[in-house]
Amino acid sequence: MTSHPLLAVIPTNRLVGMLGITPVGAGLITVTEIPEPEWGTRGVTAWRPDGDTALVVMETTLLDPDDVPHTVNEFTEALRQVLNLDVHEGTR
């Protein structure tokens, strides 16, 4: 699995059941398995750096694992926009 600096500052309980990560510049998309699904079987979260921590930008749970690739693509585009805004506004 690819390493990324944000993995060091994401709370470890949010990485339980890690299935994959997608680096997006300084940000990161994580996909986790939900062990006892109530609202879904997969969790997809978009993270961005915030000082010495990681901030959740978007998050969802999915019932159907087949929806993961589409959701990761959507989150990747949205996270790119957020990170681009940070750069243009001088916050990154």
PDB file of N, CA and C in Angstrom:
ATOM      1  N   MET A   1       0.843  -1.179   0.000  1.00  0.00           N
ATOM      2  CA  MET A   1       0.000   0.000   0.000  1.00  0.00           C
ATOM      3  C   MET A   1       0.888   1.242   0.000  1.00  0.00           C
ATOM      4  N   THR A   2       0.490   2.257  -0.736  1.00  0.00           N
ATOM      5  CA  THR A   2       1.233   3.498  -0.835  1.00  0.00           C
ATOM      6  C   THR A   2       1.271   4.207   0.512  1.00  0.00           C
ATOM      7  N   SER A   3       2.429   4.782   0.831  1.00  0.00           N
ATOM      8  CA  SER A   3       2.563   5.572   2.048  1.00  0.00           C
ATOM      9  C   SER A   3       2.243   7.033   1.721  1.00  0.00           C
ATOM     10  N   HIS A   4       1.752   7.769   2.713  1.00  0.00           N
ATOM     11  CA  HIS A   4       1.431   9.180   2.530  1.00  0.00           C
ATOM     12  C   HIS A   4       1.611   9.871   3.879  1.00  0.00           C
ATOM     13  N   PRO A   5       2.146  11.104   3.906  1.00  0.00           N
ATOM     14  CA  PRO A   5       2.378  11.797   5.176  1.00  0.00           C
ATOM     15  C   PRO A   5       1.130  11.963   6.038  1.00  0.00           C
ATOM     16  N   LEU A   6      -0.038  12.097   5.438  1.00  0.00           N
ATOM     17  CA  LEU A   6      -1.261  12.268   6.234  1.00  0.00           C
ATOM     18  C   LEU A   6      -1.604  11.030   7.053  1.00  0.00           C
ATOM     19  N   LEU A   7      -1.147   9.865   6.610  1.00  0.00           N
ATOM     20  CA  LEU A   7      -1.445   8.640   7.367  1.00  0.00           C
ATOM     21  C   LEU A   7      -0.914   8.728   8.796  1.00  0.00           C
ATOM     22  N   ALA A   8       0.149   9.489   8.994  1.00  0.00           N
ATOM     23  CA  ALA A   8       0.746   9.614  10.326  1.00  0.00           C
ATOM     24  C   ALA A   8      -0.098  10.466  11.272  1.00  0.00           C
ATOM     25  N   VAL A   9      -0.988  11.301  10.738  1.00  0.00           N
ATOM     26  CA  VAL A   9      -1.767  12.194  11.602  1.00  0.00           C
ATOM     27  C   VAL A   9      -3.268  11.902  11.600  1.00  0.00           C
ATOM     28  N   ILE A  10      -3.706  10.957  10.790  1.00  0.00           N
ATOM     29  CA  ILE A  10      -5.104  10.524  10.840  1.00  0.00           C
ATOM     30  C   ILE A  10      -5.254   9.629  12.068  1.00  0.00           C
ATOM     31  N   PRO A  11      -6.284   9.866  12.893  1.00  0.00           N
ATOM     32  CA  PRO A  11      -6.481   9.006  14.062  1.00  0.00           C
ATOM     33  C   PRO A  11      -6.525   7.528  13.663  1.00  0.00           C
ATOM     34  N   THR A  12      -5.810   6.697  14.399  1.00  0.00           N
ATOM     35  CA  THR A  12      -5.681   5.285  14.026  1.00  0.00           C
ATOM     36  C   THR A  12      -7.030   4.568  13.978  1.00  0.00           C
ATOM     37  N   ASN A  13      -7.973   4.976  14.815  1.00  0.00           N
ATOM     38  CA  ASN A  13      -9.283   4.314  14.780  1.00  0.00           C
ATOM     39  C   ASN A  13     -10.018   4.589  13.470  1.00  0.00           C
ATOM     40  N   ARG A  14      -9.616   5.635  12.735  1.00  0.00           N
ATOM     41  CA  ARG A  14     -10.223   5.942  11.437  1.00  0.00           C
ATOM     42  C   ARG A  14      -9.583   5.148  10.299  1.00  0.00           C
ATOM     43  N   LEU A  15      -8.516   4.401  10.626  1.00  0.00           N
ATOM     44  CA  LEU A  15      -7.823   3.611   9.611  1.00  0.00           C
ATOM     45  C   LEU A  15      -8.062   2.115   9.775  1.00  0.00           C
ATOM     46  N   VAL A  16      -8.885   1.729  10.748  1.00  0.00           N
ATOM     47  CA  VAL A  16      -9.208   0.322  10.964  1.00  0.00           C
ATOM     48  C   VAL A  16      -9.941  -0.213   9.738  1.00  0.00           C
ATOM     49  N   GLY A  17      -9.538  -1.364   9.277  1.00  0.00           N
ATOM     50  CA  GLY A  17     -10.171  -1.978   8.119  1.00  0.00           C
ATOM     51  C   GLY A  17      -9.768  -1.329   6.801  1.00  0.00           C
ATOM     52  N   MET A  18      -8.566  -0.725   6.772  1.00  0.00           N
ATOM     53  CA  MET A  18      -8.094  -0.023   5.573  1.00  0.00           C
ATOM     54  C   MET A  18      -8.049  -0.971   4.376  1.00  0.00           C
ATOM     55  N   LEU A  19      -8.705  -0.556   3.299  1.00  0.00           N
ATOM     56  CA  LEU A  19      -8.696  -1.326   2.057  1.00  0.00           C
ATOM     57  C   LEU A  19      -7.844  -0.653   0.992  1.00  0.00           C
ATOM     58  N   GLY A  20      -7.715   0.678   1.079  1.00  0.00           N
ATOM     59  CA  GLY A  20      -6.920   1.369   0.076  1.00  0.00           C
ATOM     60  C   GLY A  20      -6.828   2.846   0.342  1.00  0.00           C
ATOM     61  N   ILE A  21      -5.821   3.470  -0.277  1.00  0.00           N
ATOM     62  CA  ILE A  21      -5.666   4.912  -0.219  1.00  0.00           C
ATOM     63  C   ILE A  21      -5.383   5.434  -1.618  1.00  0.00           C
ATOM     64  N   THR A  22      -5.821   6.658  -1.860  1.00  0.00           N
ATOM     65  CA  THR A  22      -5.554   7.338  -3.115  1.00  0.00           C
ATOM     66  C   THR A  22      -4.963   8.700  -2.775  1.00  0.00           C
ATOM     67  N   PRO A  23      -3.662   8.894  -3.012  1.00  0.00           N
ATOM     68  CA  PRO A  23      -3.070  10.208  -2.768  1.00  0.00           C
ATOM     69  C   PRO A  23      -3.609  11.239  -3.757  1.00  0.00           C
ATOM     70  N   VAL A  24      -3.887  12.438  -3.261  1.00  0.00           N
ATOM     71  CA  VAL A  24      -4.348  13.550  -4.090  1.00  0.00           C
ATOM     72  C   VAL A  24      -3.537  14.775  -3.645  1.00  0.00           C
ATOM     73  N   GLY A  25      -2.364  14.947  -4.221  1.00  0.00           N
ATOM     74  CA  GLY A  25      -1.485  16.030  -3.796  1.00  0.00           C
ATOM     75  C   GLY A  25      -1.189  15.907  -2.310  1.00  0.00           C
ATOM     76  N   ALA A  26      -1.424  16.987  -1.556  1.00  0.00           N
ATOM     77  CA  ALA A  26      -1.215  16.965  -0.109  1.00  0.00           C
ATOM     78  C   ALA A  26      -2.348  16.239   0.617  1.00  0.00           C
ATOM     79  N   GLY A  27      -3.430  15.944  -0.106  1.00  0.00           N
ATOM     80  CA  GLY A  27      -4.585  15.276   0.478  1.00  0.00           C
ATOM     81  C   GLY A  27      -4.569  13.779   0.226  1.00  0.00           C
ATOM     82  N   LEU A  28      -5.615  13.139   0.700  1.00  0.00           N
ATOM     83  CA  LEU A  28      -5.669  11.682   0.661  1.00  0.00           C
ATOM     84  C   LEU A  28      -7.121  11.223   0.704  1.00  0.00           C
ATOM     85  N   ILE A  29      -7.427  10.165  -0.050  1.00  0.00           N
ATOM     86  CA  ILE A  29      -8.727   9.486   0.018  1.00  0.00           C
ATOM     87  C   ILE A  29      -8.476   8.122   0.648  1.00  0.00           C
ATOM     88  N   THR A  30      -9.244   7.782   1.685  1.00  0.00           N
ATOM     89  CA  THR A  30      -9.121   6.452   2.287  1.00  0.00           C
ATOM     90  C   THR A  30     -10.403   5.668   2.052  1.00  0.00           C
ATOM     91  N   VAL A  31     -10.238   4.363   1.872  1.00  0.00           N
ATOM     92  CA  VAL A  31     -11.374   3.448   1.761  1.00  0.00           C
ATOM     93  C   VAL A  31     -11.202   2.409   2.850  1.00  0.00           C
ATOM     94  N   THR A  32     -12.214   2.262   3.681  1.00  0.00           N
ATOM     95  CA  THR A  32     -12.161   1.303   4.783  1.00  0.00           C
ATOM     96  C   THR A  32     -13.365   0.367   4.720  1.00  0.00           C
ATOM     97  N   GLU A  33     -13.163  -0.794   5.289  1.00  0.00           N
ATOM     98  CA  GLU A  33     -14.259  -1.749   5.422  1.00  0.00           C
ATOM     99  C   GLU A  33     -14.981  -1.454   6.724  1.00  0.00           C
ATOM    100  N   ILE A  34     -16.295  -1.473   6.692  1.00  0.00           N
ATOM    101  CA  ILE A  34     -17.083  -1.289   7.907  1.00  0.00           C
ATOM    102  C   ILE A  34     -17.379  -2.689   8.435  1.00  0.00           C
ATOM    103  N   PRO A  35     -16.785  -3.045   9.599  1.00  0.00           N
ATOM    104  CA  PRO A  35     -16.863  -4.424  10.065  1.00  0.00           C
ATOM    105  C   PRO A  35     -18.265  -4.911  10.436  1.00  0.00           C
ATOM    106  N   GLU A  36     -19.066  -4.056  11.035  1.00  0.00           N
ATOM    107  CA  GLU A  36     -20.435  -4.435  11.395  1.00  0.00           C
ATOM    108  C   GLU A  36     -21.375  -3.443  10.725  1.00  0.00           C
ATOM    109  N   PRO A  37     -21.635  -3.669   9.448  1.00  0.00           N
ATOM    110  CA  PRO A  37     -22.361  -2.656   8.670  1.00  0.00           C
ATOM    111  C   PRO A  37     -23.780  -2.412   9.164  1.00  0.00           C
ATOM    112  N   GLU A  38     -24.042  -1.146   9.469  1.00  0.00           N
ATOM    113  CA  GLU A  38     -25.407  -0.720   9.731  1.00  0.00           C
ATOM    114  C   GLU A  38     -25.884   0.137   8.576  1.00  0.00           C
ATOM    115  N   TRP A  39     -25.010   1.069   8.141  1.00  0.00           N
ATOM    116  CA  TRP A  39     -25.362   2.014   7.088  1.00  0.00           C
ATOM    117  C   TRP A  39     -24.586   1.759   5.809  1.00  0.00           C
ATOM    118  N   GLY A  40     -23.718   0.787   5.807  1.00  0.00           N
ATOM    119  CA  GLY A  40     -22.934   0.517   4.621  1.00  0.00           C
ATOM    120  C   GLY A  40     -21.856  -0.508   4.889  1.00  0.00           C
ATOM    121  N   THR A  41     -21.173  -0.915   3.840  1.00  0.00           N
ATOM    122  CA  THR A  41     -20.104  -1.900   3.972  1.00  0.00           C
ATOM    123  C   THR A  41     -18.727  -1.287   3.740  1.00  0.00           C
ATOM    124  N   ARG A  42     -18.693  -0.067   3.161  1.00  0.00           N
ATOM    125  CA  ARG A  42     -17.433   0.622   2.880  1.00  0.00           C
ATOM    126  C   ARG A  42     -17.552   2.078   3.309  1.00  0.00           C
ATOM    127  N   GLY A  43     -16.461   2.602   3.828  1.00  0.00           N
ATOM    128  CA  GLY A  43     -16.389   4.019   4.146  1.00  0.00           C
ATOM    129  C   GLY A  43     -15.371   4.682   3.240  1.00  0.00           C
ATOM    130  N   VAL A  44     -15.713   5.828   2.682  1.00  0.00           N
ATOM    131  CA  VAL A  44     -14.794   6.585   1.842  1.00  0.00           C
ATOM    132  C   VAL A  44     -14.672   7.971   2.468  1.00  0.00           C
ATOM    133  N   THR A  45     -13.421   8.397   2.705  1.00  0.00           N
ATOM    134  CA  THR A  45     -13.163   9.672   3.359  1.00  0.00           C
ATOM    135  C   THR A  45     -12.095  10.435   2.592  1.00  0.00           C
ATOM    136  N   ALA A  46     -12.325  11.724   2.397  1.00  0.00           N
ATOM    137  CA  ALA A  46     -11.330  12.615   1.802  1.00  0.00           C
ATOM    138  C   ALA A  46     -10.730  13.452   2.927  1.00  0.00           C
ATOM    139  N   TRP A  47      -9.405  13.501   2.987  1.00  0.00           N
ATOM    140  CA  TRP A  47      -8.666  14.211   4.028  1.00  0.00           C
ATOM    141  C   TRP A  47      -7.786  15.277   3.408  1.00  0.00           C
ATOM    142  N   ARG A  48      -7.579  16.360   4.142  1.00  0.00           N
ATOM    143  CA  ARG A  48      -6.587  17.356   3.748  1.00  0.00           C
ATOM    144  C   ARG A  48      -5.774  17.724   4.982  1.00  0.00           C
ATOM    145  N   PRO A  49      -4.540  18.161   4.781  1.00  0.00           N
ATOM    146  CA  PRO A  49      -3.745  18.559   5.930  1.00  0.00           C
ATOM    147  C   PRO A  49      -4.299  19.830   6.563  1.00  0.00           C
ATOM    148  N   ASP A  50      -4.169  19.918   7.872  1.00  0.00           N
ATOM    149  CA  ASP A  50      -4.581  21.102   8.622  1.00  0.00           C
ATOM    150  C   ASP A  50      -3.587  21.277   9.759  1.00  0.00           C
ATOM    151  N   GLY A  51      -2.473  21.924   9.468  1.00  0.00           N
ATOM    152  CA  GLY A  51      -1.400  22.035  10.450  1.00  0.00           C
ATOM    153  C   GLY A  51      -0.801  20.672  10.713  1.00  0.00           C
ATOM    154  N   ASP A  52      -0.825  20.258  11.968  1.00  0.00           N
ATOM    155  CA  ASP A  52      -0.277  18.956  12.353  1.00  0.00           C
ATOM    156  C   ASP A  52      -1.339  17.871  12.432  1.00  0.00           C
ATOM    157  N   THR A  53      -2.499  18.127  11.844  1.00  0.00           N
ATOM    158  CA  THR A  53      -3.583  17.141  11.877  1.00  0.00           C
ATOM    159  C   THR A  53      -4.125  16.927  10.466  1.00  0.00           C
ATOM    160  N   ALA A  54      -5.091  16.038  10.374  1.00  0.00           N
ATOM    161  CA  ALA A  54      -5.789  15.792   9.108  1.00  0.00           C
ATOM    162  C   ALA A  54      -7.246  16.186   9.311  1.00  0.00           C
ATOM    163  N   LEU A  55      -7.785  16.912   8.358  1.00  0.00           N
ATOM    164  CA  LEU A  55      -9.155  17.389   8.419  1.00  0.00           C
ATOM    165  C   LEU A  55     -10.001  16.634   7.395  1.00  0.00           C
ATOM    166  N   VAL A  56     -11.168  16.157   7.817  1.00  0.00           N
ATOM    167  CA  VAL A  56     -12.093  15.481   6.903  1.00  0.00           C
ATOM    168  C   VAL A  56     -12.750  16.534   6.021  1.00  0.00           C
ATOM    169  N   VAL A  57     -12.643  16.340   4.714  1.00  0.00           N
ATOM    170  CA  VAL A  57     -13.271  17.238   3.750  1.00  0.00           C
ATOM    171  C   VAL A  57     -14.638  16.682   3.339  1.00  0.00           C
ATOM    172  N   MET A  58     -14.689  15.379   3.057  1.00  0.00           N
ATOM    173  CA  MET A  58     -15.924  14.691   2.677  1.00  0.00           C
ATOM    174  C   MET A  58     -15.851  13.269   3.209  1.00  0.00           C
ATOM    175  N   GLU A  59     -17.036  12.712   3.453  1.00  0.00           N
ATOM    176  CA  GLU A  59     -17.073  11.344   3.967  1.00  0.00           C
ATOM    177  C   GLU A  59     -18.431  10.732   3.640  1.00  0.00           C
ATOM    178  N   THR A  60     -18.419   9.444   3.320  1.00  0.00           N
ATOM    179  CA  THR A  60     -19.674   8.744   3.052  1.00  0.00           C
ATOM    180  C   THR A  60     -19.508   7.271   3.368  1.00  0.00           C
ATOM    181  N   THR A  61     -20.626   6.591   3.523  1.00  0.00           N
ATOM    182  CA  THR A  61     -20.628   5.130   3.605  1.00  0.00           C
ATOM    183  C   THR A  61     -21.404   4.614   2.402  1.00  0.00           C
ATOM    184  N   LEU A  62     -20.997   3.460   1.939  1.00  0.00           N
ATOM    185  CA  LEU A  62     -21.602   2.869   0.747  1.00  0.00           C
ATOM    186  C   LEU A  62     -22.124   1.478   1.065  1.00  0.00           C
ATOM    187  N   LEU A  63     -23.305   1.171   0.570  1.00  0.00           N
ATOM    188  CA  LEU A  63     -23.858  -0.165   0.741  1.00  0.00           C
ATOM    189  C   LEU A  63     -23.208  -1.157  -0.209  1.00  0.00           C
ATOM    190  N   ASP A  64     -22.960  -0.722  -1.432  1.00  0.00           N
ATOM    191  CA  ASP A  64     -22.456  -1.608  -2.472  1.00  0.00           C
ATOM    192  C   ASP A  64     -20.978  -1.326  -2.736  1.00  0.00           C
ATOM    193  N   PRO A  65     -20.088  -2.291  -2.482  1.00  0.00           N
ATOM    194  CA  PRO A  65     -18.663  -2.095  -2.747  1.00  0.00           C
ATOM    195  C   PRO A  65     -18.360  -1.704  -4.196  1.00  0.00           C
ATOM    196  N   ASP A  66     -19.255  -2.046  -5.128  1.00  0.00           N
ATOM    197  CA  ASP A  66     -19.048  -1.675  -6.528  1.00  0.00           C
ATOM    198  C   ASP A  66     -19.121  -0.158  -6.743  1.00  0.00           C
ATOM    199  N   ASP A  67     -19.671   0.579  -5.772  1.00  0.00           N
ATOM    200  CA  ASP A  67     -19.775   2.033  -5.877  1.00  0.00           C
ATOM    201  C   ASP A  67     -18.492   2.744  -5.464  1.00  0.00           C
ATOM    202  N   VAL A  68     -17.535   2.013  -4.895  1.00  0.00           N
ATOM    203  CA  VAL A  68     -16.302   2.634  -4.388  1.00  0.00           C
ATOM    204  C   VAL A  68     -15.524   3.367  -5.478  1.00  0.00           C
ATOM    205  N   PRO A  69     -15.225   2.764  -6.627  1.00  0.00           N
ATOM    206  CA  PRO A  69     -14.425   3.483  -7.631  1.00  0.00           C
ATOM    207  C   PRO A  69     -15.038   4.817  -8.067  1.00  0.00           C
ATOM    208  N   HIS A  70     -16.335   4.824  -8.304  1.00  0.00           N
ATOM    209  CA  HIS A  70     -17.009   6.065  -8.717  1.00  0.00           C
ATOM    210  C   HIS A  70     -16.918   7.116  -7.611  1.00  0.00           C
ATOM    211  N   THR A  71     -17.135   6.709  -6.378  1.00  0.00           N
ATOM    212  CA  THR A  71     -17.080   7.641  -5.251  1.00  0.00           C
ATOM    213  C   THR A  71     -15.669   8.178  -5.058  1.00  0.00           C
ATOM    214  N   VAL A  72     -14.662   7.320  -5.173  1.00  0.00           N
ATOM    215  CA  VAL A  72     -13.271   7.772  -5.056  1.00  0.00           C
ATOM    216  C   VAL A  72     -12.971   8.802  -6.149  1.00  0.00           C
ATOM    217  N   ASN A  73     -13.441   8.563  -7.365  1.00  0.00           N
ATOM    218  CA  ASN A  73     -13.233   9.531  -8.449  1.00  0.00           C
ATOM    219  C   ASN A  73     -13.891  10.874  -8.138  1.00  0.00           C
ATOM    220  N   GLU A  74     -15.125  10.844  -7.656  1.00  0.00           N
ATOM    221  CA  GLU A  74     -15.826  12.085  -7.301  1.00  0.00           C
ATOM    222  C   GLU A  74     -15.094  12.830  -6.182  1.00  0.00           C
ATOM    223  N   PHE A  75     -14.690  12.090  -5.135  1.00  0.00           N
ATOM    224  CA  PHE A  75     -13.987  12.701  -4.012  1.00  0.00           C
ATOM    225  C   PHE A  75     -12.632  13.254  -4.449  1.00  0.00           C
ATOM    226  N   THR A  76     -11.964  12.560  -5.366  1.00  0.00           N
ATOM    227  CA  THR A  76     -10.660  13.014  -5.850  1.00  0.00           C
ATOM    228  C   THR A  76     -10.799  14.369  -6.538  1.00  0.00           C
ATOM    229  N   GLU A  77     -11.784  14.511  -7.401  1.00  0.00           N
ATOM    230  CA  GLU A  77     -11.989  15.783  -8.104  1.00  0.00           C
ATOM    231  C   GLU A  77     -12.341  16.899  -7.118  1.00  0.00           C
ATOM    232  N   ALA A  78     -13.219  16.609  -6.183  1.00  0.00           N
ATOM    233  CA  ALA A  78     -13.612  17.620  -5.203  1.00  0.00           C
ATOM    234  C   ALA A  78     -12.436  18.006  -4.301  1.00  0.00           C
ATOM    235  N   LEU A  79     -11.636  17.027  -3.886  1.00  0.00           N
ATOM    236  CA  LEU A  79     -10.481  17.312  -3.036  1.00  0.00           C
ATOM    237  C   LEU A  79      -9.447  18.135  -3.795  1.00  0.00           C
ATOM    238  N   ARG A  80      -9.253  17.849  -5.063  1.00  0.00           N
ATOM    239  CA  ARG A  80      -8.339  18.674  -5.881  1.00  0.00           C
ATOM    240  C   ARG A  80      -8.791  20.131  -5.882  1.00  0.00           C
ATOM    241  N   GLN A  81     -10.085  20.351  -6.014  1.00  0.00           N
ATOM    242  CA  GLN A  81     -10.609  21.721  -6.006  1.00  0.00           C
ATOM    243  C   GLN A  81     -10.367  22.387  -4.656  1.00  0.00           C
ATOM    244  N   VAL A  82     -10.607  21.667  -3.572  1.00  0.00           N
ATOM    245  CA  VAL A  82     -10.384  22.222  -2.230  1.00  0.00           C
ATOM    246  C   VAL A  82      -8.909  22.567  -2.043  1.00  0.00           C
ATOM    247  N   LEU A  83      -8.029  21.656  -2.411  1.00  0.00           N
ATOM    248  CA  LEU A  83      -6.597  21.901  -2.247  1.00  0.00           C
ATOM    249  C   LEU A  83      -6.146  23.042  -3.150  1.00  0.00           C
ATOM    250  N   ASN A  84      -6.708  23.153  -4.346  1.00  0.00           N
ATOM    251  CA  ASN A  84      -6.375  24.244  -5.264  1.00  0.00           C
ATOM    252  C   ASN A  84      -6.834  25.577  -4.678  1.00  0.00           C
ATOM    253  N   LEU A  85      -8.016  25.615  -4.065  1.00  0.00           N
ATOM    254  CA  LEU A  85      -8.500  26.834  -3.417  1.00  0.00           C
ATOM    255  C   LEU A  85      -7.583  27.235  -2.274  1.00  0.00           C
ATOM    256  N   ASP A  86      -7.126  26.241  -1.497  1.00  0.00           N
ATOM    257  CA  ASP A  86      -6.203  26.524  -0.397  1.00  0.00           C
ATOM    258  C   ASP A  86      -4.949  27.212  -0.910  1.00  0.00           C
ATOM    259  N   VAL A  87      -4.411  26.714  -2.016  1.00  0.00           N
ATOM    260  CA  VAL A  87      -3.179  27.280  -2.578  1.00  0.00           C
ATOM    261  C   VAL A  87      -3.427  28.700  -3.068  1.00  0.00           C
ATOM    262  N   HIS A  88      -4.527  28.911  -3.777  1.00  0.00           N
ATOM    263  CA  HIS A  88      -4.808  30.238  -4.329  1.00  0.00           C
ATOM    264  C   HIS A  88      -5.158  31.257  -3.250  1.00  0.00           C
ATOM    265  N   GLU A  89      -5.720  30.814  -2.156  1.00  0.00           N
ATOM    266  CA  GLU A  89      -6.060  31.724  -1.075  1.00  0.00           C
ATOM    267  C   GLU A  89      -4.891  31.932  -0.114  1.00  0.00           C
ATOM    268  N   GLY A  90      -3.806  31.180  -0.333  1.00  0.00           N
ATOM    269  CA  GLY A  90      -2.638  31.342   0.505  1.00  0.00           C
ATOM    270  C   GLY A  90      -2.690  30.624   1.834  1.00  0.00           C
ATOM    271  N   THR A  91      -3.636  29.706   1.996  1.00  0.00           N
ATOM    272  CA  THR A  91      -3.731  28.983   3.264  1.00  0.00           C
ATOM    273  C   THR A  91      -2.886  27.732   3.261  1.00  0.00           C
ATOM    274  N   ARG A  92      -2.360  27.362   2.132  1.00  0.00           N
ATOM    275  CA  ARG A  92      -1.478  26.184   2.054  1.00  0.00           C
ATOM    276  C   ARG A  92      -0.148  26.626   1.590  1.00  0.00           C
TER     277      ARG A  92
END
